[in-house]
C-alpha atoms as a PDB file:
ATOM      1  CA  UNK A   1     100.809  78.383  87.886  1.00  0.00           C
ATOM      2  CA  UNK A   2     100.204  78.912  91.569  1.00  0.00           C
ATOM      3  CA  UNK A   3      96.987  78.593  93.481  1.00  0.00           C
ATOM      4  CA  UNK A   4      94.054  80.205  91.735  1.00  0.00           C
ATOM      5  CA  UNK A   5      92.263  82.671  93.987  1.00  0.00           C
ATOM      6  CA  UNK A   6      88.502  82.228  94.028  1.00  0.00           C
ATOM      7  CA  UNK A   7      87.449  85.809  93.445  1.00  0.00           C
ATOM      8  CA  UNK A   8      84.040  86.405  94.936  1.00  0.00           C
ATOM      9  CA  UNK A   9      81.398  88.427  93.149  1.00  0.00           C
ATOM     10  CA  UNK A  10      80.300  91.791  94.461  1.00  0.00           C
ATOM     11  CA  UNK A  11      79.179  92.885  96.987  1.00  0.00           C
ATOM     12  CA  UNK A  12      81.553  92.298  99.918  1.00  0.00           C
ATOM     13  CA  UNK A  13      80.236  92.215 103.474  1.00  0.00           C
ATOM     14  CA  UNK A  14      79.028  95.709 104.325  1.00  0.00           C
ATOM     15  CA  UNK A  15      80.460  95.771 107.862  1.00  0.00           C
ATOM     16  CA  UNK A  16      83.959  95.325 106.385  1.00  0.00           C
ATOM     17  CA  UNK A  17      83.738  98.319 104.070  1.00  0.00           C
ATOM     18  CA  UNK A  18      81.849 100.832 106.241  1.00  0.00           C
ATOM     19  CA  UNK A  19      83.990 101.043 109.356  1.00  0.00           C
ATOM     20  CA  UNK A  20      84.141 104.112 111.598  1.00  0.00           C
ATOM     21  CA  UNK A  21      87.614 105.055 110.296  1.00  0.00           C
ATOM     22  CA  UNK A  22      86.404 104.811 106.704  1.00  0.00           C
ATOM     23  CA  UNK A  23      83.338 106.948 107.374  1.00  0.00           C
ATOM     24  CA  UNK A  24      85.469 109.612 109.096  1.00  0.00           C
ATOM     25  CA  UNK A  25      87.859 109.815 106.151  1.00  0.00           C
ATOM     26  CA  UNK A  26      84.945 109.763 103.719  1.00  0.00           C
ATOM     27  CA  UNK A  27      83.730 113.198 104.846  1.00  0.00           C
ATOM     28  CA  UNK A  28      87.156 114.764 104.152  1.00  0.00           C
ATOM     29  CA  UNK A  29      87.415 113.093 100.745  1.00  0.00           C
ATOM     30  CA  UNK A  30      83.884 114.041  99.663  1.00  0.00           C
ATOM     31  CA  UNK A  31      84.341 117.658 100.789  1.00  0.00           C
ATOM     32  CA  UNK A  32      87.635 118.022  98.894  1.00  0.00           C
ATOM     33  CA  UNK A  33      86.104 116.509  95.766  1.00  0.00           C
ATOM     34  CA  UNK A  34      83.090 118.824  96.037  1.00  0.00           C
ATOM     35  CA  UNK A  35      85.402 121.824  96.318  1.00  0.00           C
ATOM     36  CA  UNK A  36      87.318 120.642  93.249  1.00  0.00           C
ATOM     37  CA  UNK A  37      84.132 120.328  91.198  1.00  0.00           C
ATOM     38  CA  UNK A  38      83.116 123.859  92.175  1.00  0.00           C
ATOM     39  CA  UNK A  39      86.533 125.394  91.534  1.00  0.00           C
ATOM     40  CA  UNK A  40      86.769 123.749  88.120  1.00  0.00           C
ATOM     41  CA  UNK A  41      83.703 125.726  87.018  1.00  0.00           C
ATOM     42  CA  UNK A  42      85.492 129.017  87.736  1.00  0.00           C
ATOM     43  CA  UNK A  43      87.734 128.568  84.687  1.00  0.00           C
ATOM     44  CA  UNK A  44      85.568 129.870  81.825  1.00  0.00           C
ATOM     45  CA  UNK A  45      87.199 127.678  79.180  1.00  0.00           C
ATOM     46  CA  UNK A  46      86.989 124.112  80.492  1.00  0.00           C
ATOM     47  CA  UNK A  47      89.177 122.763  77.677  1.00  0.00           C
ATOM     48  CA  UNK A  48      92.170 124.460  79.324  1.00  0.00           C
ATOM     49  CA  UNK A  49      91.687 122.319  82.408  1.00  0.00           C
ATOM     50  CA  UNK A  50      90.775 119.097  80.619  1.00  0.00           C
ATOM     51  CA  UNK A  51      93.828 119.232  78.341  1.00  0.00           C
ATOM     52  CA  UNK A  52      96.170 119.992  81.236  1.00  0.00           C
ATOM     53  CA  UNK A  53      94.931 117.366  83.676  1.00  0.00           C
ATOM     54  CA  UNK A  54      94.196 114.545  81.233  1.00  0.00           C
ATOM     55  CA  UNK A  55      97.735 114.644  79.856  1.00  0.00           C
ATOM     56  CA  UNK A  56      99.115 114.646  83.408  1.00  0.00           C
ATOM     57  CA  UNK A  57      96.940 111.636  84.307  1.00  0.00           C
ATOM     58  CA  UNK A  58      98.063 109.819  81.160  1.00  0.00           C
ATOM     59  CA  UNK A  59     101.704 110.423  82.020  1.00  0.00           C
ATOM     60  CA  UNK A  60     101.380 109.404  85.683  1.00  0.00           C
ATOM     61  CA  UNK A  61      99.213 106.324  85.049  1.00  0.00           C
ATOM     62  CA  UNK A  62     101.607 105.069  82.384  1.00  0.00           C
ATOM     63  CA  UNK A  63     104.525 105.668  84.756  1.00  0.00           C
ATOM     64  CA  UNK A  64     102.970 103.212  87.230  1.00  0.00           C
ATOM     65  CA  UNK A  65     103.499 100.606  84.495  1.00  0.00           C
ATOM     66  CA  UNK A  66     107.120 101.801  84.038  1.00  0.00           C
ATOM     67  CA  UNK A  67     106.314 103.681  80.815  1.00  0.00           C
ATOM     68  CA  UNK A  68     108.374 106.806  81.418  1.00  0.00           C
ATOM     69  CA  UNK A  69     108.058 110.055  79.458  1.00  0.00           C
ATOM     70  CA  UNK A  70     108.428 113.764  80.116  1.00  0.00           C
ATOM     71  CA  UNK A  71     105.844 116.515  79.787  1.00  0.00           C
ATOM     72  CA  UNK A  72     107.959 118.163  77.075  1.00  0.00           C
ATOM     73  CA  UNK A  73     108.118 114.962  75.000  1.00  0.00           C
ATOM     74  CA  UNK A  74     104.349 114.589  75.177  1.00  0.00           C
ATOM     75  CA  UNK A  75     103.544 118.167  74.190  1.00  0.00           C
ATOM     76  CA  UNK A  76     106.031 118.024  71.336  1.00  0.00           C
ATOM     77  CA  UNK A  77     104.420 114.805  70.082  1.00  0.00           C
ATOM     78  CA  UNK A  78     100.951 116.341  70.236  1.00  0.00           C
ATOM     79  CA  UNK A  79     102.077 119.487  68.435  1.00  0.00           C
ATOM     80  CA  UNK A  80     104.498 118.294  65.750  1.00  0.00           C
ATOM     81  CA  UNK A  81     104.424 115.622  63.069  1.00  0.00           C
ATOM     82  CA  UNK A  82     107.729 113.927  63.867  1.00  0.00           C
ATOM     83  CA  UNK A  83     108.180 110.230  64.695  1.00  0.00           C
ATOM     84  CA  UNK A  84     107.055 109.317  68.209  1.00  0.00           C
ATOM     85  CA  UNK A  85     108.968 107.162  70.671  1.00  0.00           C
ATOM     86  CA  UNK A  86     107.131 104.004  71.758  1.00  0.00           C
ATOM     87  CA  UNK A  87     106.657 105.278  75.330  1.00  0.00           C
ATOM     88  CA  UNK A  88     105.302 108.609  74.118  1.00  0.00           C
ATOM     89  CA  UNK A  89     102.840 106.883  71.799  1.00  0.00           C
ATOM     90  CA  UNK A  90     101.581 104.692  74.659  1.00  0.00           C
ATOM     91  CA  UNK A  91     100.910 107.730  76.859  1.00  0.00           C
ATOM     92  CA  UNK A  92      99.117 109.530  74.035  1.00  0.00           C
ATOM     93  CA  UNK A  93      97.010 106.407  73.463  1.00  0.00           C
ATOM     94  CA  UNK A  94      96.066 106.492  77.151  1.00  0.00           C
ATOM     95  CA  UNK A  95      95.052 110.145  76.809  1.00  0.00           C
ATOM     96  CA  UNK A  96      92.897 109.197  73.826  1.00  0.00           C
ATOM     97  CA  UNK A  97      91.335 106.354  75.858  1.00  0.00           C
ATOM     98  CA  UNK A  98      90.282 108.779  78.622  1.00  0.00           C
ATOM     99  CA  UNK A  99      88.506 110.971  76.069  1.00  0.00           C
ATOM    100  CA  UNK A 100      86.933 107.871  74.490  1.00  0.00           C
ATOM    101  CA  UNK A 101      85.560 106.731  77.850  1.00  0.00           C
ATOM    102  CA  UNK A 102      84.392 110.245  78.722  1.00  0.00           C
ATOM    103  CA  UNK A 103      82.464 110.448  75.441  1.00  0.00           C
ATOM    104  CA  UNK A 104      80.792 107.068  76.073  1.00  0.00           C
ATOM    105  CA  UNK A 105      79.728 108.027  79.612  1.00  0.00           C
ATOM    106  CA  UNK A 106      78.364 111.412  78.532  1.00  0.00           C
ATOM    107  CA  UNK A 107      76.447 109.962  75.577  1.00  0.00           C
ATOM    108  CA  UNK A 108      74.922 106.819  77.087  1.00  0.00           C
ATOM    109  CA  UNK A 109      75.260 107.214  80.886  1.00  0.00           C
ATOM    110  CA  UNK A 110      76.491 103.678  81.552  1.00  0.00           C
ATOM    111  CA  UNK A 111      79.196 101.204  80.510  1.00  0.00           C
ATOM    112  CA  UNK A 112      78.990  97.802  78.845  1.00  0.00           C
ATOM    113  CA  UNK A 113      81.661  95.099  78.664  1.00  0.00           C
ATOM    114  CA  UNK A 114      82.224  96.121  75.037  1.00  0.00           C
ATOM    115  CA  UNK A 115      82.862  99.718  76.163  1.00  0.00           C
ATOM    116  CA  UNK A 116      85.559  98.575  78.592  1.00  0.00           C
ATOM    117  CA  UNK A 117      87.090  96.551  75.756  1.00  0.00           C
ATOM    118  CA  UNK A 118      87.061  99.677  73.557  1.00  0.00           C
ATOM    119  CA  UNK A 119      88.901 101.677  76.228  1.00  0.00           C
ATOM    120  CA  UNK A 120      91.507  98.937  76.706  1.00  0.00           C
ATOM    121  CA  UNK A 121      91.926  98.490  72.947  1.00  0.00           C
ATOM    122  CA  UNK A 122      92.599 102.220  72.585  1.00  0.00           C
ATOM    123  CA  UNK A 123      95.351 102.004  75.203  1.00  0.00           C
ATOM    124  CA  UNK A 124      97.194  98.923  73.904  1.00  0.00           C
ATOM    125  CA  UNK A 125      96.303  99.106  70.191  1.00  0.00           C
ATOM    126  CA  UNK A 126      95.395  95.452  69.726  1.00  0.00           C
ATOM    127  CA  UNK A 127      92.233  93.401  69.361  1.00  0.00           C
ATOM    128  CA  UNK A 128      93.045  90.620  71.840  1.00  0.00           C
ATOM    129  CA  UNK A 129      90.111  91.579  74.057  1.00  0.00           C
ATOM    130  CA  UNK A 130      89.154  89.598  77.166  1.00  0.00           C
ATOM    131  CA  UNK A 131      91.606  86.815  78.043  1.00  0.00           C
ATOM    132  CA  UNK A 132      90.818  83.451  76.461  1.00  0.00           C
ATOM    133  CA  UNK A 133      93.946  81.458  77.361  1.00  0.00           C
ATOM    134  CA  UNK A 134      94.904  80.245  80.826  1.00  0.00           C
ATOM    135  CA  UNK A 135      98.308  81.031  82.278  1.00  0.00           C
ATOM    136  CA  UNK A 136      98.095  84.690  83.331  1.00  0.00           C
ATOM    137  CA  UNK A 137      99.695  85.346  86.721  1.00  0.00           C
ATOM    138  CA  UNK A 138     100.875  88.459  88.558  1.00  0.00           C
ATOM    139  CA  UNK A 139     104.455  88.288  89.790  1.00  0.00           C
ATOM    140  CA  UNK A 140     106.671  90.272  92.112  1.00  0.00           C
ATOM    141  CA  UNK A 141     108.978  92.030  89.642  1.00  0.00           C
ATOM    142  CA  UNK A 142     111.937  91.808  92.015  1.00  0.00           C
ATOM    143  CA  UNK A 143     111.676  88.195  93.195  1.00  0.00           C
ATOM    144  CA  UNK A 144     109.642  86.551  90.446  1.00  0.00           C
ATOM    145  CA  UNK A 145     107.278  85.155  93.080  1.00  0.00           C
ATOM    146  CA  UNK A 146     103.653  84.648  91.964  1.00  0.00           C
ATOM    147  CA  UNK A 147     101.603  86.988  94.161  1.00  0.00           C
ATOM    148  CA  UNK A 148      98.207  86.529  92.548  1.00  0.00           C
ATOM    149  CA  UNK A 149      96.534  84.273  90.001  1.00  0.00           C
ATOM    150  CA  UNK A 150      93.398  85.887  88.561  1.00  0.00           C
ATOM    151  CA  UNK A 151      90.408  83.965  87.172  1.00  0.00           C
ATOM    152  CA  UNK A 152      91.520  81.916  84.158  1.00  0.00           C
ATOM    153  CA  UNK A 153      88.406  80.853  82.223  1.00  0.00           C
ATOM    154  CA  UNK A 154      86.890  83.384  79.826  1.00  0.00           C
ATOM    155  CA  UNK A 155      83.357  82.443  80.929  1.00  0.00           C
ATOM    156  CA  UNK A 156      84.216  83.235  84.558  1.00  0.00           C
ATOM    157  CA  UNK A 157      85.969  86.489  83.593  1.00  0.00           C
ATOM    158  CA  UNK A 158      82.920  87.653  81.611  1.00  0.00           C
ATOM    159  CA  UNK A 159      80.564  86.609  84.433  1.00  0.00           C
ATOM    160  CA  UNK A 160      82.619  88.653  86.903  1.00  0.00           C
ATOM    161  CA  UNK A 161      82.716  91.649  84.526  1.00  0.00           C
ATOM    162  CA  UNK A 162      78.929  91.609  84.165  1.00  0.00           C
ATOM    163  CA  UNK A 163      78.656  91.515  87.967  1.00  0.00           C
ATOM    164  CA  UNK A 164      81.186  94.371  88.195  1.00  0.00           C
ATOM    165  CA  UNK A 165      79.135  96.525  85.815  1.00  0.00           C
ATOM    166  CA  UNK A 166      75.946  95.894  87.777  1.00  0.00           C
ATOM    167  CA  UNK A 167      77.575  97.753  90.683  1.00  0.00           C
ATOM    168  CA  UNK A 168      79.385 100.282  88.467  1.00  0.00           C
ATOM    169  CA  UNK A 169      76.305 101.440  86.579  1.00  0.00           C
ATOM    170  CA  UNK A 170      73.857 101.227  89.487  1.00  0.00           C
ATOM    171  CA  UNK A 171      75.018 101.431  93.109  1.00  0.00           C
ATOM    172  CA  UNK A 172      73.031  98.380  94.171  1.00  0.00           C
ATOM    173  CA  UNK A 173      74.432  98.357  97.711  1.00  0.00           C
ATOM    174  CA  UNK A 174      73.434 101.994  98.189  1.00  0.00           C
ATOM    175  CA  UNK A 175      76.978 102.653  99.430  1.00  0.00           C
ATOM    176  CA  UNK A 176      78.531 106.072  99.379  1.00  0.00           C
ATOM    177  CA  UNK A 177      79.903 106.212  95.805  1.00  0.00           C
ATOM    178  CA  UNK A 178      83.480 106.906  96.966  1.00  0.00           C
ATOM    179  CA  UNK A 179      83.534 103.717  99.035  1.00  0.00           C
ATOM    180  CA  UNK A 180      81.952 101.915  96.103  1.00  0.00           C
ATOM    181  CA  UNK A 181      84.682 103.297  93.833  1.00  0.00           C
ATOM    182  CA  UNK A 182      87.380 101.738  96.021  1.00  0.00           C
ATOM    183  CA  UNK A 183      85.569  98.394  96.011  1.00  0.00           C
ATOM    184  CA  UNK A 184      85.052  98.516  92.249  1.00  0.00           C
ATOM    185  CA  UNK A 185      88.692  99.366  91.585  1.00  0.00           C
ATOM    186  CA  UNK A 186      89.865  96.393  93.652  1.00  0.00           C
ATOM    187  CA  UNK A 187      87.391  94.112  91.879  1.00  0.00           C
ATOM    188  CA  UNK A 188      88.391  95.156  88.369  1.00  0.00           C
ATOM    189  CA  UNK A 189      92.102  94.806  89.048  1.00  0.00           C
ATOM    190  CA  UNK A 190      91.457  91.376  90.614  1.00  0.00           C
ATOM    191  CA  UNK A 191      89.425  90.188  87.625  1.00  0.00           C
ATOM    192  CA  UNK A 192      92.398  91.304  85.482  1.00  0.00           C
ATOM    193  CA  UNK A 193      90.365  90.683  82.330  1.00  0.00           C
ATOM    194  CA  UNK A 194      92.975  91.541  79.703  1.00  0.00           C
ATOM    195  CA  UNK A 195      96.435  90.340  78.783  1.00  0.00           C
ATOM    196  CA  UNK A 196      97.716  93.920  78.994  1.00  0.00           C
ATOM    197  CA  UNK A 197      96.505  97.360  80.079  1.00  0.00           C
ATOM    198  CA  UNK A 198      94.458  96.277  83.120  1.00  0.00           C
ATOM    199  CA  UNK A 199      95.923  98.857  85.502  1.00  0.00           C
ATOM    200  CA  UNK A 200      95.550 101.731  83.067  1.00  0.00           C
ATOM    201  CA  UNK A 201      92.024 100.697  82.098  1.00  0.00           C
ATOM    202  CA  UNK A 202      91.047 100.401  85.771  1.00  0.00           C
ATOM    203  CA  UNK A 203      92.334 103.883  86.547  1.00  0.00           C
ATOM    204  CA  UNK A 204      90.321 105.346  83.661  1.00  0.00           C
ATOM    205  CA  UNK A 205      87.234 103.582  85.051  1.00  0.00           C
ATOM    206  CA  UNK A 206      87.824 105.433  88.351  1.00  0.00           C
ATOM    207  CA  UNK A 207      87.554 108.790  86.579  1.00  0.00           C
ATOM    208  CA  UNK A 208      84.488 107.708  84.593  1.00  0.00           C
ATOM    209  CA  UNK A 209      82.766 106.473  87.762  1.00  0.00           C
ATOM    210  CA  UNK A 210      83.206 109.875  89.431  1.00  0.00           C
ATOM    211  CA  UNK A 211      81.673 111.575  86.374  1.00  0.00           C
ATOM    212  CA  UNK A 212      78.836 109.040  86.197  1.00  0.00           C
ATOM    213  CA  UNK A 213      77.991 109.818  89.843  1.00  0.00           C
ATOM    214  CA  UNK A 214      78.170 113.616  89.362  1.00  0.00           C
ATOM    215  CA  UNK A 215      81.225 114.126  91.562  1.00  0.00           C
ATOM    216  CA  UNK A 216      82.954 115.655  88.533  1.00  0.00           C
ATOM    217  CA  UNK A 217      81.693 117.220  85.319  1.00  0.00           C
ATOM    218  CA  UNK A 218      84.934 116.665  83.417  1.00  0.00           C
ATOM    219  CA  UNK A 219      87.882 114.213  83.783  1.00  0.00           C
ATOM    220  CA  UNK A 220      90.155 116.284  86.024  1.00  0.00           C
ATOM    221  CA  UNK A 221      91.116 114.079  88.987  1.00  0.00           C
ATOM    222  CA  UNK A 222      94.385 112.280  88.390  1.00  0.00           C
ATOM    223  CA  UNK A 223      94.638 109.686  91.174  1.00  0.00           C
ATOM    224  CA  UNK A 224      97.601 108.120  89.389  1.00  0.00           C
ATOM    225  CA  UNK A 225      99.963 110.755  90.783  1.00  0.00           C
ATOM    226  CA  UNK A 226      99.040 109.678  94.322  1.00  0.00           C
ATOM    227  CA  UNK A 227      99.384 105.975  93.440  1.00  0.00           C
ATOM    228  CA  UNK A 228     102.757 106.657  91.835  1.00  0.00           C
ATOM    229  CA  UNK A 229     104.044 108.313  95.003  1.00  0.00           C
ATOM    230  CA  UNK A 230     102.723 105.457  97.147  1.00  0.00           C
ATOM    231  CA  UNK A 231     103.085 102.572  94.699  1.00  0.00           C
ATOM    232  CA  UNK A 232     104.336  99.895  97.101  1.00  0.00           C
ATOM    233  CA  UNK A 233     101.397 100.552  99.455  1.00  0.00           C
ATOM    234  CA  UNK A 234      98.970 100.370  96.536  1.00  0.00           C
ATOM    235  CA  UNK A 235     100.030  96.864  95.507  1.00  0.00           C
ATOM    236  CA  UNK A 236     100.476  95.698  99.101  1.00  0.00           C
ATOM    237  CA  UNK A 237      96.951  96.743 100.055  1.00  0.00           C
ATOM    238  CA  UNK A 238      95.343  95.235  96.951  1.00  0.00           C
ATOM    239  CA  UNK A 239      97.059  91.942  97.809  1.00  0.00           C
ATOM    240  CA  UNK A 240      96.031  92.247 101.458  1.00  0.00           C
ATOM    241  CA  UNK A 241      92.354  92.427 100.538  1.00  0.00           C
ATOM    242  CA  UNK A 242      92.805  89.438  98.273  1.00  0.00           C
ATOM    243  CA  UNK A 243      94.592  87.308 100.849  1.00  0.00           C
ATOM    244  CA  UNK A 244      92.851  88.298 104.079  1.00  0.00           C
ATOM    245  CA  UNK A 245      89.552  89.909 103.091  1.00  0.00           C
ATOM    246  CA  UNK A 246      90.467  92.973 105.191  1.00  0.00           C
ATOM    247  CA  UNK A 247      89.243  96.063 103.364  1.00  0.00           C
ATOM    248  CA  UNK A 248      89.712  98.950 105.785  1.00  0.00           C
ATOM    249  CA  UNK A 249      93.327  99.935 105.112  1.00  0.00           C
ATOM    250  CA  UNK A 250      92.898  99.684 101.329  1.00  0.00           C
ATOM    251  CA  UNK A 251      89.703 101.778 101.251  1.00  0.00           C
ATOM    252  CA  UNK A 252      91.330 104.398 103.491  1.00  0.00           C
ATOM    253  CA  UNK A 253      94.237 104.526 101.037  1.00  0.00           C
ATOM    254  CA  UNK A 254      91.903 105.249  98.098  1.00  0.00           C
ATOM    255  CA  UNK A 255      89.860 107.813 100.053  1.00  0.00           C
ATOM    256  CA  UNK A 256      93.001 109.648 101.205  1.00  0.00           C
ATOM    257  CA  UNK A 257      94.207 109.603  97.601  1.00  0.00           C
ATOM    258  CA  UNK A 258      90.971 111.271  96.490  1.00  0.00           C
ATOM    259  CA  UNK A 259      91.321 113.941  99.182  1.00  0.00           C
ATOM    260  CA  UNK A 260      95.002 114.716  98.558  1.00  0.00           C
ATOM    261  CA  UNK A 261      94.672 114.696  94.771  1.00  0.00           C
ATOM    262  CA  UNK A 262      91.578 116.926  94.898  1.00  0.00           C
ATOM    263  CA  UNK A 263      93.390 119.514  97.030  1.00  0.00           C
ATOM    264  CA  UNK A 264      96.459 119.472  94.768  1.00  0.00           C
ATOM    265  CA  UNK A 265      94.274 119.861  91.689  1.00  0.00           C
ATOM    266  CA  UNK A 266      92.491 122.806  93.313  1.00  0.00           C
ATOM    267  CA  UNK A 267      95.880 124.488  93.805  1.00  0.00           C
ATOM    268  CA  UNK A 268      96.729 123.798  90.177  1.00  0.00           C
ATOM    269  CA  UNK A 269      93.403 125.286  89.033  1.00  0.00           C
ATOM    270  CA  UNK A 270      93.964 128.434  91.094  1.00  0.00           C
ATOM    271  CA  UNK A 271      97.489 128.840  89.702  1.00  0.00           C
ATOM    272  CA  UNK A 272      96.302 128.329  86.116  1.00  0.00           C
ATOM    273  CA  UNK A 273      93.460 130.807  86.619  1.00  0.00           C
ATOM    274  CA  UNK A 274      95.799 133.434  88.109  1.00  0.00           C
ATOM    275  CA  UNK A 275      98.275 133.036  85.250  1.00  0.00           C
ATOM    276  CA  UNK A 276      95.468 133.253  82.683  1.00  0.00           C
ATOM    277  CA  UNK A 277      94.258 136.538  84.188  1.00  0.00           C
ATOM    278  CA  UNK A 278      97.785 138.001  84.235  1.00  0.00           C
ATOM    279  CA  UNK A 279      98.369 136.886  80.638  1.00  0.00           C
ATOM    280  CA  UNK A 280      95.113 138.490  79.459  1.00  0.00           C
ATOM    281  CA  UNK A 281      96.023 141.717  81.254  1.00  0.00           C
ATOM    282  CA  UNK A 282      99.555 141.732  79.803  1.00  0.00           C
ATOM    283  CA  UNK A 283      98.314 141.114  76.257  1.00  0.00           C
ATOM    284  CA  UNK A 284      95.727 143.881  76.547  1.00  0.00           C
ATOM    285  CA  UNK A 285      98.336 146.384  77.697  1.00  0.00           C
ATOM    286  CA  UNK A 286     101.342 145.404  75.591  1.00  0.00           C
ATOM    287  CA  UNK A 287      99.741 143.912  72.483  1.00  0.00           C
ATOM    288  CA  UNK A 288      96.393 145.658  72.182  1.00  0.00           C
ATOM    289  CA  UNK A 289      96.439 145.595  68.379  1.00  0.00           C
ATOM    290  CA  UNK A 290      96.462 141.805  68.205  1.00  0.00           C
ATOM    291  CA  UNK A 291      94.700 141.044  71.507  1.00  0.00           C
ATOM    292  CA  UNK A 292      91.852 138.558  71.340  1.00  0.00           C
ATOM    293  CA  UNK A 293      90.622 136.564  74.313  1.00  0.00           C
ATOM    294  CA  UNK A 294      90.430 133.435  72.132  1.00  0.00           C
ATOM    295  CA  UNK A 295      94.127 133.786  71.300  1.00  0.00           C
ATOM    296  CA  UNK A 296      95.166 133.826  74.970  1.00  0.00           C
ATOM    297  CA  UNK A 297      92.870 130.917  75.778  1.00  0.00           C
ATOM    298  CA  UNK A 298      94.411 128.974  72.908  1.00  0.00           C
ATOM    299  CA  UNK A 299      97.947 129.215  74.332  1.00  0.00           C
ATOM    300  CA  UNK A 300      96.535 127.796  77.591  1.00  0.00           C
ATOM    301  CA  UNK A 301      94.617 125.002  75.852  1.00  0.00           C
ATOM    302  CA  UNK A 302      97.737 124.211  73.834  1.00  0.00           C
ATOM    303  CA  UNK A 303     100.837 125.113  75.907  1.00  0.00           C
ATOM    304  CA  UNK A 304     102.853 124.147  72.829  1.00  0.00           C
ATOM    305  CA  UNK A 305     101.175 126.198  70.081  1.00  0.00           C
ATOM    306  CA  UNK A 306     101.934 126.728  66.426  1.00  0.00           C
ATOM    307  CA  UNK A 307     100.719 128.757  63.485  1.00  0.00           C
ATOM    308  CA  UNK A 308      98.266 126.072  62.290  1.00  0.00           C
ATOM    309  CA  UNK A 309      96.459 126.135  65.652  1.00  0.00           C
ATOM    310  CA  UNK A 310      95.958 129.910  65.446  1.00  0.00           C
ATOM    311  CA  UNK A 311      94.810 129.764  61.820  1.00  0.00           C
ATOM    312  CA  UNK A 312      92.156 127.192  62.693  1.00  0.00           C
ATOM    313  CA  UNK A 313      90.977 128.793  65.947  1.00  0.00           C
ATOM    314  CA  UNK A 314      90.878 132.457  64.885  1.00  0.00           C
ATOM    315  CA  UNK A 315      90.127 131.867  61.207  1.00  0.00           C
ATOM    316  CA  UNK A 316      93.011 134.067  60.062  1.00  0.00           C
ATOM    317  CA  UNK A 317      95.693 133.676  57.412  1.00  0.00           C
ATOM    318  CA  UNK A 318      99.065 132.128  58.261  1.00  0.00           C
ATOM    319  CA  UNK A 319     100.853 135.458  57.989  1.00  0.00           C
ATOM    320  CA  UNK A 320      98.592 137.006  60.625  1.00  0.00           C
ATOM    321  CA  UNK A 321      98.824 133.926  62.849  1.00  0.00           C
ATOM    322  CA  UNK A 322     102.606 134.070  62.721  1.00  0.00           C
ATOM    323  CA  UNK A 323     102.544 137.754  63.629  1.00  0.00           C
ATOM    324  CA  UNK A 324     100.279 137.090  66.623  1.00  0.00           C
ATOM    325  CA  UNK A 325     102.532 134.383  68.046  1.00  0.00           C
ATOM    326  CA  UNK A 326     105.692 136.427  67.502  1.00  0.00           C
ATOM    327  CA  UNK A 327     104.095 139.385  69.277  1.00  0.00           C
ATOM    328  CA  UNK A 328     103.142 137.182  72.253  1.00  0.00           C
ATOM    329  CA  UNK A 329     106.747 136.009  72.393  1.00  0.00           C
ATOM    330  CA  UNK A 330     107.956 139.621  72.219  1.00  0.00           C
ATOM    331  CA  UNK A 331     105.896 140.568  75.304  1.00  0.00           C
ATOM    332  CA  UNK A 332     107.074 137.511  77.238  1.00  0.00           C
ATOM    333  CA  UNK A 333     104.050 135.224  77.151  1.00  0.00           C
ATOM    334  CA  UNK A 334     105.614 132.612  74.859  1.00  0.00           C
ATOM    335  CA  UNK A 335     109.017 131.296  73.901  1.00  0.00           C
ATOM    336  CA  UNK A 336     109.683 129.858  70.449  1.00  0.00           C
ATOM    337  CA  UNK A 337     111.576 126.643  69.772  1.00  0.00           C
ATOM    338  CA  UNK A 338     112.365 124.936  66.486  1.00  0.00           C
ATOM    339  CA  UNK A 339     111.468 121.239  66.479  1.00  0.00           C
ATOM    340  CA  UNK A 340     112.476 119.603  63.224  1.00  0.00           C
ATOM    341  CA  UNK A 341     111.106 121.854  60.502  1.00  0.00           C
ATOM    342  CA  UNK A 342     108.401 123.361  62.691  1.00  0.00           C
ATOM    343  CA  UNK A 343     108.474 126.311  65.075  1.00  0.00           C
ATOM    344  CA  UNK A 344     106.421 125.903  68.235  1.00  0.00           C
ATOM    345  CA  UNK A 345     105.614 128.581  70.787  1.00  0.00           C
ATOM    346  CA  UNK A 346     105.743 127.402  74.399  1.00  0.00           C
ATOM    347  CA  UNK A 347     103.787 128.818  77.318  1.00  0.00           C
ATOM    348  CA  UNK A 348     106.619 128.136  79.758  1.00  0.00           C
ATOM    349  CA  UNK A 349     104.937 129.539  82.863  1.00  0.00           C
ATOM    350  CA  UNK A 350     101.945 127.279  82.320  1.00  0.00           C
ATOM    351  CA  UNK A 351     104.199 124.270  81.735  1.00  0.00           C
ATOM    352  CA  UNK A 352     105.911 124.995  85.058  1.00  0.00           C
ATOM    353  CA  UNK A 353     102.540 124.941  86.846  1.00  0.00           C
ATOM    354  CA  UNK A 354     101.587 121.657  85.181  1.00  0.00           C
ATOM    355  CA  UNK A 355     104.922 120.036  86.015  1.00  0.00           C
ATOM    356  CA  UNK A 356     104.827 120.950  89.693  1.00  0.00           C
END
């Protein structure tokens, strides 16, 4: 089974995680994240942003685990009632798990071991829970070499999880929360408490930690895109901390990821906001008889829209809802597509922003 690594409880030695290089990068990361939080508030309907970014995070995080889907497949699955491919269902489960975790954090302001189990269960759709059987190892996919053997006994796993939550819920080291986030992410992935879904669960915990510490109001930072683009470094640096106890390079990686992802999300927000304003203006001028602000916001909340969505949101009859969507297609804001027996109306310009 390979040598079992004796994973130490938190906290690590402070001088290893608060180096000069880390503190320099920290200011850039915190500033970018602060700007993101402020810019997010400039979109009047926050659901537009949450729906867009959460689905992107779900897609990217699942891709790290080689669960590959496209944006179009996901939106079609969320909009229509057809049979879903296994990969699509897994990504949608991840999206649901983010919302589940967000609800828990907002309602109770802390996490318990049972809450983490709920998030993981939502992702993988089984009740296996925390590992009870020995034998779990992490291997190099290419060579088959065992690169890490996590704690094996359930009692030790639970003890480490309780210790993890002590530093997740209350920053007992009084570290800057972004440094603490990097440490916590390493610790959770090293505990590897579940048979499946550890990486995806850990990345959701990152988002929840930022919300818990008031760096974000809503789950709109998708670090998974950065990890996906730098995947080999991600795993190499996690293993480096485990083998050598050297934290600096790994923490810098996470902090740079926060900075880069924040700045990219800010660009996305600005592009969405600009398109929303243009779309409102176009609808007012070219479709004044059917124009309602709620209708335009709906086609941004749901880039793949259909008659049922309009009926529910605007409280109108199906005939009127159909007329509204057809008019928006006529003036160039939507494009219709038949999927199975259903017709969906796609906000293609918004989809392009979300894809890029």
